[in-house]
C-alpha atoms as a PDB file:
ATOM      1  CA  ILE A   1      88.941 114.571 103.052  1.00  0.00           C
ATOM      2  CA  GLY A   2      87.829 112.366 100.176  1.00  0.00           C
ATOM      3  CA  ALA A   3      89.802 111.670  97.013  1.00  0.00           C
ATOM      4  CA  ASN A   4      93.322 113.079  96.873  1.00  0.00           C
ATOM      5  CA  TRP A   5      95.197 111.064  94.236  1.00  0.00           C
ATOM      6  CA  ILE A   6      96.292 112.306  90.821  1.00  0.00           C
ATOM      7  CA  HIS A   7      96.806 109.292  88.576  1.00  0.00           C
ATOM      8  CA  GLY A   8      99.185 109.890  85.687  1.00  0.00           C
ATOM      9  CA  PRO A   9     100.471 113.336  86.748  1.00  0.00           C
ATOM     10  CA  SER A  10     101.933 114.548  83.459  1.00  0.00           C
ATOM     11  CA  LYS A  11     101.217 117.284  80.928  1.00  0.00           C
ATOM     12  CA  GLU A  12      98.499 115.223  79.187  1.00  0.00           C
ATOM     13  CA  ASN A  13      96.484 115.281  82.421  1.00  0.00           C
ATOM     14  CA  PRO A  14      94.372 118.490  82.742  1.00  0.00           C
ATOM     15  CA  VAL A  15      93.927 117.991  86.512  1.00  0.00           C
ATOM     16  CA  PHE A  16      97.704 117.883  86.932  1.00  0.00           C
ATOM     17  CA  ARG A  17      98.162 120.993  84.789  1.00  0.00           C
ATOM     18  CA  LEU A  18      95.645 122.899  86.913  1.00  0.00           C
ATOM     19  CA  ALA A  19      97.266 121.687  90.136  1.00  0.00           C
ATOM     20  CA  CYS A  20     100.645 122.977  88.898  1.00  0.00           C
ATOM     21  CA  GLU A  21      99.133 126.287  87.796  1.00  0.00           C
ATOM     22  CA  TYR A  22      97.680 126.816  91.273  1.00  0.00           C
ATOM     23  CA  GLN A  23     100.899 125.586  92.975  1.00  0.00           C
ATOM     24  CA  LEU A  24      99.039 122.903  94.926  1.00  0.00           C
ATOM     25  CA  LEU A  25     101.725 120.202  94.645  1.00  0.00           C
ATOM     26  CA  ASP A  26     105.234 119.848  95.986  1.00  0.00           C
ATOM     27  CA  LYS A  27     108.267 120.330  93.729  1.00  0.00           C
ATOM     28  CA  GLU A  28     109.006 116.620  93.470  1.00  0.00           C
ATOM     29  CA  SER A  29     105.511 115.865  92.165  1.00  0.00           C
ATOM     30  CA  MET A  30     105.822 118.633  89.554  1.00  0.00           C
ATOM     31  CA  SER A  31     109.340 117.656  88.446  1.00  0.00           C
ATOM     32  CA  GLU A  32     109.988 116.462  84.908  1.00  0.00           C
ATOM     33  CA  GLU A  33     111.573 113.310  86.330  1.00  0.00           C
ATOM     34  CA  ASN A  34     108.349 112.409  88.130  1.00  0.00           C
ATOM     35  CA  GLN A  35     106.283 113.102  85.016  1.00  0.00           C
ATOM     36  CA  ALA A  36     108.471 110.826  82.894  1.00  0.00           C
ATOM     37  CA  ILE A  37     107.998 107.703  85.048  1.00  0.00           C
ATOM     38  CA  ASP A  38     105.537 105.359  83.376  1.00  0.00           C
ATOM     39  CA  ILE A  39     104.326 102.434  85.504  1.00  0.00           C
ATOM     40  CA  GLY A  40     101.196 101.681  83.488  1.00  0.00           C
ATOM     41  CA  GLY A  41      98.811 102.723  86.252  1.00  0.00           C
ATOM     42  CA  HIS A  42     100.226 100.205  88.722  1.00  0.00           C
ATOM     43  CA  PRO A  43     101.792 100.936  92.111  1.00  0.00           C
ATOM     44  CA  LEU A  44     105.516 100.423  92.396  1.00  0.00           C
ATOM     45  CA  PHE A  45     106.275  96.934  93.664  1.00  0.00           C
ATOM     46  CA  VAL A  46     107.923  96.979  97.086  1.00  0.00           C
ATOM     47  CA  PRO A  47     110.558  94.220  96.988  1.00  0.00           C
ATOM     48  CA  ASN A  48     109.539  92.650 100.291  1.00  0.00           C
ATOM     49  CA  TRP A  49     107.711  89.380  99.816  1.00  0.00           C
ATOM     50  CA  PHE A  50     107.105  86.882 102.628  1.00  0.00           C
ATOM     51  CA  THR A  51     105.702  83.375 102.611  1.00  0.00           C
ATOM     52  CA  SER A  52     102.950  82.417 105.050  1.00  0.00           C
ATOM     53  CA  SER A  53     105.644  80.920 107.306  1.00  0.00           C
ATOM     54  CA  GLY A  54     107.436  84.285 107.498  1.00  0.00           C
ATOM     55  CA  ARG A  55     110.330  83.481 105.143  1.00  0.00           C
ATOM     56  CA  LYS A  56     111.447  86.499 103.133  1.00  0.00           C
ATOM     57  CA  LEU A  57     111.764  85.862  99.413  1.00  0.00           C
ATOM     58  CA  GLY A  58     114.793  87.214  97.604  1.00  0.00           C
ATOM     59  CA  PRO A  59     114.790  89.115  94.296  1.00  0.00           C
ATOM     60  CA  GLU A  60     115.999  85.992  92.491  1.00  0.00           C
ATOM     61  CA  THR A  61     112.611  84.404  93.288  1.00  0.00           C
ATOM     62  CA  MET A  62     110.412  87.486  93.191  1.00  0.00           C
ATOM     63  CA  GLY A  63     111.751  89.232  90.081  1.00  0.00           C
ATOM     64  CA  PRO A  64     111.082  86.535  87.448  1.00  0.00           C
ATOM     65  CA  VAL A  65     107.549  85.923  88.759  1.00  0.00           C
ATOM     66  CA  VAL A  66     106.600  89.612  88.609  1.00  0.00           C
ATOM     67  CA  GLU A  67     108.098  89.884  85.118  1.00  0.00           C
ATOM     68  CA  PHE A  68     106.258  86.745  83.985  1.00  0.00           C
ATOM     69  CA  PHE A  69     102.939  88.027  85.357  1.00  0.00           C
ATOM     70  CA  MET A  70     103.306  91.506  83.839  1.00  0.00           C
ATOM     71  CA  LYS A  71     104.005  90.013  80.408  1.00  0.00           C
ATOM     72  CA  LEU A  72     100.789  87.993  80.652  1.00  0.00           C
ATOM     73  CA  LEU A  73      98.911  91.118  81.722  1.00  0.00           C
ATOM     74  CA  GLU A  74     100.298  93.033  78.734  1.00  0.00           C
ATOM     75  CA  ARG A  75      99.204  90.219  76.423  1.00  0.00           C
ATOM     76  CA  SER A  76      95.720  90.307  77.922  1.00  0.00           C
ATOM     77  CA  GLN A  77      95.434  93.980  76.890  1.00  0.00           C
ATOM     78  CA  GLN A  78      96.126  93.288  73.220  1.00  0.00           C
ATOM     79  CA  PHE A  79      92.794  91.646  72.373  1.00  0.00           C
ATOM     80  CA  ASN A  80      91.066  95.028  72.387  1.00  0.00           C
ATOM     81  CA  ASP A  81      92.935  95.852  69.168  1.00  0.00           C
ATOM     82  CA  THR A  82      93.164  92.410  67.586  1.00  0.00           C
ATOM     83  CA  GLY A  83      89.831  90.885  68.657  1.00  0.00           C
ATOM     84  CA  GLY A  84      89.252  87.144  68.824  1.00  0.00           C
ATOM     85  CA  GLU A  85      89.788  86.822  72.564  1.00  0.00           C
ATOM     86  CA  PRO A  86      90.210  83.143  73.493  1.00  0.00           C
ATOM     87  CA  LEU A  87      88.464  83.403  76.875  1.00  0.00           C
ATOM     88  CA  PRO A  88      85.777  85.710  78.304  1.00  0.00           C
ATOM     89  CA  SER A  89      87.760  87.269  81.165  1.00  0.00           C
ATOM     90  CA  VAL A  90      91.225  88.493  82.105  1.00  0.00           C
ATOM     91  CA  GLY A  91      91.308  86.185  85.136  1.00  0.00           C
ATOM     92  CA  GLU A  92      90.507  83.078  83.115  1.00  0.00           C
ATOM     93  CA  PHE A  93      93.087  84.007  80.475  1.00  0.00           C
ATOM     94  CA  VAL A  94      95.906  84.696  82.947  1.00  0.00           C
ATOM     95  CA  LYS A  95      95.213  81.535  84.986  1.00  0.00           C
ATOM     96  CA  ALA A  96      95.027  79.386  81.854  1.00  0.00           C
ATOM     97  CA  GLU A  97      98.296  80.815  80.525  1.00  0.00           C
ATOM     98  CA  VAL A  98     100.019  80.331  83.894  1.00  0.00           C
ATOM     99  CA  GLU A  99      98.889  76.708  83.981  1.00  0.00           C
ATOM    100  CA  ARG A 100     100.166  76.224  80.428  1.00  0.00           C
ATOM    101  CA  LEU A 101     103.477  78.102  80.638  1.00  0.00           C
ATOM    102  CA  ALA A 102     104.599  77.992  84.296  1.00  0.00           C
ATOM    103  CA  PRO A 103     105.791  74.347  84.355  1.00  0.00           C
ATOM    104  CA  LYS A 104     108.152  75.061  81.477  1.00  0.00           C
ATOM    105  CA  GLU A 105     109.085  78.555  82.719  1.00  0.00           C
ATOM    106  CA  TRP A 106     110.101  77.338  86.182  1.00  0.00           C
ATOM    107  CA  LYS A 107     111.184  73.771  85.504  1.00  0.00           C
ATOM    108  CA  GLU A 108     114.696  74.557  86.805  1.00  0.00           C
ATOM    109  CA  ASP A 109     113.335  75.748  90.162  1.00  0.00           C
ATOM    110  CA  GLN A 110     110.907  73.050  91.296  1.00  0.00           C
ATOM    111  CA  ASP A 111     111.661  73.739  94.961  1.00  0.00           C
ATOM    112  CA  ASN A 112     109.999  77.159  94.727  1.00  0.00           C
ATOM    113  CA  PHE A 113     107.251  76.237  92.262  1.00  0.00           C
ATOM    114  CA  ALA A 114     104.433  76.340  94.833  1.00  0.00           C
ATOM    115  CA  VAL A 115     105.674  79.656  96.209  1.00  0.00           C
ATOM    116  CA  LYS A 116     105.813  81.164  92.718  1.00  0.00           C
ATOM    117  CA  MET A 117     102.267  80.024  92.005  1.00  0.00           C
ATOM    118  CA  ALA A 118     101.180  81.649  95.270  1.00  0.00           C
ATOM    119  CA  MET A 119     102.863  84.870  94.123  1.00  0.00           C
ATOM    120  CA  ILE A 120     100.871  84.760  90.881  1.00  0.00           C
ATOM    121  CA  ASN A 121      97.714  84.433  92.963  1.00  0.00           C
ATOM    122  CA  THR A 122      98.766  87.456  95.046  1.00  0.00           C
ATOM    123  CA  LEU A 123      99.514  89.515  91.923  1.00  0.00           C
ATOM    124  CA  LEU A 124      96.058  88.687  90.551  1.00  0.00           C
ATOM    125  CA  LYS A 125      94.560  89.963  93.811  1.00  0.00           C
ATOM    126  CA  LEU A 126      96.612  93.154  93.503  1.00  0.00           C
ATOM    127  CA  GLU A 127      95.285  93.589  89.965  1.00  0.00           C
ATOM    128  CA  CYS A 128      91.770  93.403  91.411  1.00  0.00           C
ATOM    129  CA  CYS A 129      92.616  96.506  93.455  1.00  0.00           C
ATOM    130  CA  VAL A 130      93.976  98.309  90.382  1.00  0.00           C
ATOM    131  CA  SER A 131      90.962  97.388  88.234  1.00  0.00           C
ATOM    132  CA  GLY A 132      88.389  97.924  90.997  1.00  0.00           C
ATOM    133  CA  THR A 133      86.842  94.458  90.955  1.00  0.00           C
ATOM    134  CA  HIS A 134      86.249  91.556  93.338  1.00  0.00           C
ATOM    135  CA  THR A 135      87.767  89.131  90.858  1.00  0.00           C
ATOM    136  CA  MET A 136      89.548  89.419  87.512  1.00  0.00           C
ATOM    137  CA  ASP A 137      87.096  86.762  86.299  1.00  0.00           C
ATOM    138  CA  ASP A 138      84.569  89.626  86.077  1.00  0.00           C
ATOM    139  CA  VAL A 139      86.801  91.794  83.844  1.00  0.00           C
ATOM    140  CA  GLY A 140      86.158  91.261  80.131  1.00  0.00           C
ATOM    141  CA  LEU A 141      89.265  90.202  78.220  1.00  0.00           C
ATOM    142  CA  GLY A 142      88.337  91.911  74.952  1.00  0.00           C
ATOM    143  CA  ALA A 143      87.771  95.304  76.587  1.00  0.00           C
ATOM    144  CA  PHE A 144      90.676  95.181  79.038  1.00  0.00           C
ATOM    145  CA  GLY A 145      93.027  97.083  76.725  1.00  0.00           C
ATOM    146  CA  MET A 146      90.612 100.006  76.299  1.00  0.00           C
ATOM    147  CA  TYR A 147      91.788 101.647  79.515  1.00  0.00           C
ATOM    148  CA  LYS A 148      94.702 103.964  78.791  1.00  0.00           C
ATOM    149  CA  THR A 149      97.037 105.248  81.480  1.00  0.00           C
ATOM    150  CA  LEU A 150      99.121 108.408  81.456  1.00  0.00           C
ATOM    151  CA  PRO A 151     102.772 108.569  82.502  1.00  0.00           C
ATOM    152  CA  GLY A 152     103.807 110.075  85.809  1.00  0.00           C
ATOM    153  CA  LEU A 153     104.301 108.685  89.300  1.00  0.00           C
ATOM    154  CA  ASP A 154     101.013 109.054  91.199  1.00  0.00           C
ATOM    155  CA  CYS A 155     100.966 111.957  93.633  1.00  0.00           C
ATOM    156  CA  THR A 156      98.464 113.481  96.049  1.00  0.00           C
ATOM    157  CA  PHE A 157      96.897 116.841  96.837  1.00  0.00           C
ATOM    158  CA  PRO A 158      98.046 117.602 100.407  1.00  0.00           C
ATOM    159  CA  GLY A 159      94.568 118.945 101.203  1.00  0.00           C
ATOM    160  CA  GLY A 160      92.552 116.762  98.850  1.00  0.00           C
ATOM    161  CA  TYR A 161      90.744 117.819  95.671  1.00  0.00           C
ATOM    162  CA  GLU A 162      88.892 120.513  97.613  1.00  0.00           C
ATOM    163  CA  GLY A 163      91.960 122.741  97.266  1.00  0.00           C
ATOM    164  CA  LEU A 164      91.686 122.538  93.472  1.00  0.00           C
ATOM    165  CA  ILE A 165      87.937 123.242  93.557  1.00  0.00           C
ATOM    166  CA  ASP A 166      88.467 126.264  95.835  1.00  0.00           C
ATOM    167  CA  GLN A 167      90.964 127.738  93.389  1.00  0.00           C
ATOM    168  CA  MET A 168      88.672 127.165  90.402  1.00  0.00           C
ATOM    169  CA  MET A 169      85.728 128.734  92.252  1.00  0.00           C
ATOM    170  CA  LYS A 170      87.731 131.918  92.829  1.00  0.00           C
ATOM    171  CA  GLU A 171      87.864 132.463  89.072  1.00  0.00           C
ATOM    172  CA  LEU A 172      84.083 132.268  88.643  1.00  0.00           C
ATOM    173  CA  PRO A 173      81.766 135.291  89.027  1.00  0.00           C
ATOM    174  CA  LYS A 174      80.347 135.686  92.509  1.00  0.00           C
ATOM    175  CA  ASP A 175      77.045 133.887  93.242  1.00  0.00           C
ATOM    176  CA  ILE A 176      77.090 132.035  89.900  1.00  0.00           C
ATOM    177  CA  VAL A 177      77.063 128.638  91.659  1.00  0.00           C
ATOM    178  CA  LEU A 178      73.763 127.691  93.292  1.00  0.00           C
ATOM    179  CA  TYR A 179      73.238 125.058  95.958  1.00  0.00           C
ATOM    180  CA  ASN A 180      70.194 123.340  97.467  1.00  0.00           C
ATOM    181  CA  LYS A 181      68.289 123.245  94.184  1.00  0.00           C
ATOM    182  CA  PRO A 182      67.035 119.641  93.940  1.00  0.00           C
ATOM    183  CA  VAL A 183      66.169 118.831  90.335  1.00  0.00           C
ATOM    184  CA  LYS A 184      62.730 117.392  89.620  1.00  0.00           C
ATOM    185  CA  CYS A 185      63.048 116.898  85.871  1.00  0.00           C
ATOM    186  CA  ILE A 186      65.308 117.643  82.893  1.00  0.00           C
ATOM    187  CA  HIS A 187      63.424 118.573  79.717  1.00  0.00           C
ATOM    188  CA  TRP A 188      65.171 117.977  76.390  1.00  0.00           C
ATOM    189  CA  ASN A 189      64.529 119.899  73.122  1.00  0.00           C
ATOM    190  CA  TYR A 190      62.466 122.355  75.119  1.00  0.00           C
ATOM    191  CA  THR A 191      60.534 125.296  73.655  1.00  0.00           C
ATOM    192  CA  LYS A 192      59.376 127.932  76.117  1.00  0.00           C
ATOM    193  CA  ASN A 193      56.549 130.311  75.343  1.00  0.00           C
ATOM    194  CA  GLY A 194      56.488 133.405  77.510  1.00  0.00           C
ATOM    195  CA  PRO A 195      56.331 137.201  77.274  1.00  0.00           C
ATOM    196  CA  LYS A 196      60.066 137.492  76.537  1.00  0.00           C
ATOM    197  CA  THR A 197      60.824 134.103  75.056  1.00  0.00           C
ATOM    198  CA  THR A 198      57.984 133.353  72.631  1.00  0.00           C
ATOM    199  CA  GLY A 199      58.985 130.538  70.343  1.00  0.00           C
ATOM    200  CA  THR A 200      62.537 130.449  71.675  1.00  0.00           C
ATOM    201  CA  SER A 201      63.973 126.958  71.594  1.00  0.00           C
ATOM    202  CA  PHE A 202      66.279 125.820  74.374  1.00  0.00           C
ATOM    203  CA  PRO A 203      68.217 122.531  74.119  1.00  0.00           C
ATOM    204  CA  VAL A 204      67.673 121.847  77.819  1.00  0.00           C
ATOM    205  CA  MET A 205      65.437 123.107  80.605  1.00  0.00           C
ATOM    206  CA  ILE A 206      66.021 122.070  84.207  1.00  0.00           C
ATOM    207  CA  GLU A 207      62.959 122.047  86.449  1.00  0.00           C
ATOM    208  CA  CYS A 208      63.622 122.181  90.194  1.00  0.00           C
ATOM    209  CA  VAL A 209      61.465 120.765  92.982  1.00  0.00           C
ATOM    210  CA  ASN A 210      60.542 124.286  94.097  1.00  0.00           C
ATOM    211  CA  GLY A 211      59.194 125.121  90.621  1.00  0.00           C
ATOM    212  CA  GLU A 212      62.195 127.199  89.577  1.00  0.00           C
ATOM    213  CA  THR A 213      63.436 126.569  86.029  1.00  0.00           C
ATOM    214  CA  PHE A 214      66.751 127.090  84.255  1.00  0.00           C
ATOM    215  CA  ALA A 215      67.169 127.089  80.467  1.00  0.00           C
ATOM    216  CA  ALA A 216      70.568 125.921  79.294  1.00  0.00           C
ATOM    217  CA  ASP A 217      72.648 125.068  76.248  1.00  0.00           C
ATOM    218  CA  HIS A 218      74.237 122.098  78.031  1.00  0.00           C
ATOM    219  CA  VAL A 219      73.694 120.067  81.195  1.00  0.00           C
ATOM    220  CA  ILE A 220      76.104 117.678  82.862  1.00  0.00           C
ATOM    221  CA  VAL A 221      74.421 115.107  85.100  1.00  0.00           C
ATOM    222  CA  THR A 222      76.721 113.547  87.714  1.00  0.00           C
ATOM    223  CA  VAL A 223      74.516 111.145  89.646  1.00  0.00           C
ATOM    224  CA  PRO A 224      76.380 108.725  91.979  1.00  0.00           C
ATOM    225  CA  LEU A 225      77.441 105.427  90.444  1.00  0.00           C
END
């Protein structure tokens, strides 16, 4: 059914406000408690970590590593405001800081040092999922803090975003939305000379493959990435 997540479901999010208005979400998702949870755009960490040999790690091992990593991630977001980033990418910065700080941070727990380093590696991979990249070495350090997240625990449309679109379409005049009109060209700063429009200036004119034209004040182009 395609996309169904609402990231940051709180009052600042217009998609969430519309979903509430149309009663498309369950009560828990619309609750004030759910809207107040701020996890910075990250999924909640499930406290079940296992080594490659199958040994379950306890919170005394897991907790400090996650906290250590998240502090480094927060620091990596500050260069957008301050400038002067020391390294080109988030991945390089985090790995360099781990190499510099981890020996001192975990000097009292040498037995689990290798496991903790493996956890850092896993958390970096998780961050790749959050940031939509193959490697955090491709994510620019200076721009990393530009992305702002909204509070609210992520929730889903039970029927996908189509339910929201269906509701919005019901509020539009009938037959106002046209389909199967492939666009050949978009003309900017267009002036059309015709029997009824002599000398009239239109900001935009859309020319379709079939020769049909549409004059408009605005056009939004949403080509695939």
